[in-house]
C-alpha atoms as a PDB file:
ATOM      1  CA  MET A   1     -71.542-156.040-269.848  1.00  0.00           C
ATOM      2  CA  LYS A   2     -68.185-154.437-269.107  1.00  0.00           C
ATOM      3  CA  SER A   3     -66.773-154.496-265.599  1.00  0.00           C
ATOM      4  CA  SER A   4     -66.309-151.316-263.604  1.00  0.00           C
ATOM      5  CA  ASN A   5     -62.528-151.680-263.962  1.00  0.00           C
ATOM      6  CA  GLN A   6     -62.778-151.862-267.737  1.00  0.00           C
ATOM      7  CA  ASP A   7     -64.984-148.755-267.725  1.00  0.00           C
ATOM      8  CA  LYS A   8     -62.359-146.960-265.653  1.00  0.00           C
ATOM      9  CA  VAL A   9     -59.550-147.886-268.051  1.00  0.00           C
ATOM     10  CA  GLU A  10     -61.560-146.840-271.091  1.00  0.00           C
ATOM     11  CA  SER A  11     -62.644-143.599-269.438  1.00  0.00           C
ATOM     12  CA  THR A  12     -59.032-142.707-268.703  1.00  0.00           C
ATOM     13  CA  PHE A  13     -58.119-143.425-272.330  1.00  0.00           C
ATOM     14  CA  HIS A  14     -60.951-141.192-273.593  1.00  0.00           C
ATOM     15  CA  LYS A  15     -60.019-138.361-271.239  1.00  0.00           C
ATOM     16  CA  ILE A  16     -56.348-138.436-272.259  1.00  0.00           C
ATOM     17  CA  LYS A  17     -57.228-138.680-275.942  1.00  0.00           C
ATOM     18  CA  GLY A  18     -59.631-135.756-275.506  1.00  0.00           C
ATOM     19  CA  LYS A  19     -57.018-133.592-273.817  1.00  0.00           C
ATOM     20  CA  VAL A  20     -54.547-134.267-276.625  1.00  0.00           C
ATOM     21  CA  LYS A  21     -57.113-133.418-279.311  1.00  0.00           C
ATOM     22  CA  GLU A  22     -58.169-130.292-277.434  1.00  0.00           C
ATOM     23  CA  ALA A  23     -54.575-129.094-277.125  1.00  0.00           C
ATOM     24  CA  ALA A  24     -53.830-129.908-280.767  1.00  0.00           C
ATOM     25  CA  GLY A  25     -56.921-127.955-281.798  1.00  0.00           C
ATOM     26  CA  LYS A  26     -55.818-124.923-279.796  1.00  0.00           C
ATOM     27  CA  VAL A  27     -52.252-125.035-281.125  1.00  0.00           C
ATOM     28  CA  SER A  28     -53.317-125.486-284.743  1.00  0.00           C
ATOM     29  CA  ASP A  29     -56.202-123.014-284.401  1.00  0.00           C
ATOM     30  CA  ASN A  30     -58.667-125.735-285.392  1.00  0.00           C
ATOM     31  CA  PRO A  31     -61.936-125.247-283.482  1.00  0.00           C
ATOM     32  CA  LYS A  32     -63.419-128.489-284.861  1.00  0.00           C
ATOM     33  CA  LEU A  33     -60.557-130.560-283.444  1.00  0.00           C
ATOM     34  CA  GLU A  34     -60.747-128.678-280.159  1.00  0.00           C
ATOM     35  CA  THR A  35     -64.470-129.438-279.927  1.00  0.00           C
ATOM     36  CA  GLU A  36     -63.862-133.101-280.726  1.00  0.00           C
ATOM     37  CA  GLY A  37     -61.392-133.180-277.837  1.00  0.00           C
ATOM     38  CA  THR A  38     -63.890-131.621-275.460  1.00  0.00           C
ATOM     39  CA  VAL A  39     -66.546-134.151-276.463  1.00  0.00           C
ATOM     40  CA  GLU A  40     -64.050-137.005-276.064  1.00  0.00           C
ATOM     41  CA  LYS A  41     -63.190-135.820-272.535  1.00  0.00           C
ATOM     42  CA  MET A  42     -66.870-135.585-271.637  1.00  0.00           C
ATOM     43  CA  THR A  43     -67.413-139.111-272.967  1.00  0.00           C
ATOM     44  CA  GLY A  44     -64.615-140.341-270.719  1.00  0.00           C
ATOM     45  CA  GLU A  45     -66.091-138.581-267.704  1.00  0.00           C
ATOM     46  CA  ALA A  46     -69.519-140.092-268.368  1.00  0.00           C
ATOM     47  CA  GLN A  47     -68.014-143.550-268.777  1.00  0.00           C
ATOM     48  CA  GLU A  48     -66.172-143.114-265.482  1.00  0.00           C
ATOM     49  CA  LYS A  49     -69.484-142.350-263.748  1.00  0.00           C
ATOM     50  CA  VAL A  50     -71.031-145.482-265.287  1.00  0.00           C
ATOM     51  CA  GLY A  51     -68.141-147.506-263.885  1.00  0.00           C
ATOM     52  CA  GLN A  52     -68.648-145.964-260.449  1.00  0.00           C
ATOM     53  CA  VAL A  53     -72.334-146.864-260.505  1.00  0.00           C
ATOM     54  CA  LYS A  54     -71.508-150.428-261.541  1.00  0.00           C
ATOM     55  CA  LYS A  55     -69.039-150.659-258.675  1.00  0.00           C
ATOM     56  CA  VAL A  56     -71.689-149.540-256.177  1.00  0.00           C
ATOM     57  CA  TRP A  57     -74.149-152.093-257.550  1.00  0.00           C
ATOM     58  CA  GLY A  58     -71.479-154.794-257.505  1.00  0.00           C
ATOM     59  CA  GLN A  59     -71.172-155.444-261.212  1.00  0.00           C
END
């Protein structure tokens, strides 16, 4: 099981990657890429919450 710190690092990576994809999708008028970016950001946010829960439970 990953540590809460590792979840935080990975969540930050996913959020940044999602923002870049979202912006690239908007600039290139590519709704599929923009949607992929939104999903990637949401994945990062969910992973961040998992890390917060682990931290509370001491894992």
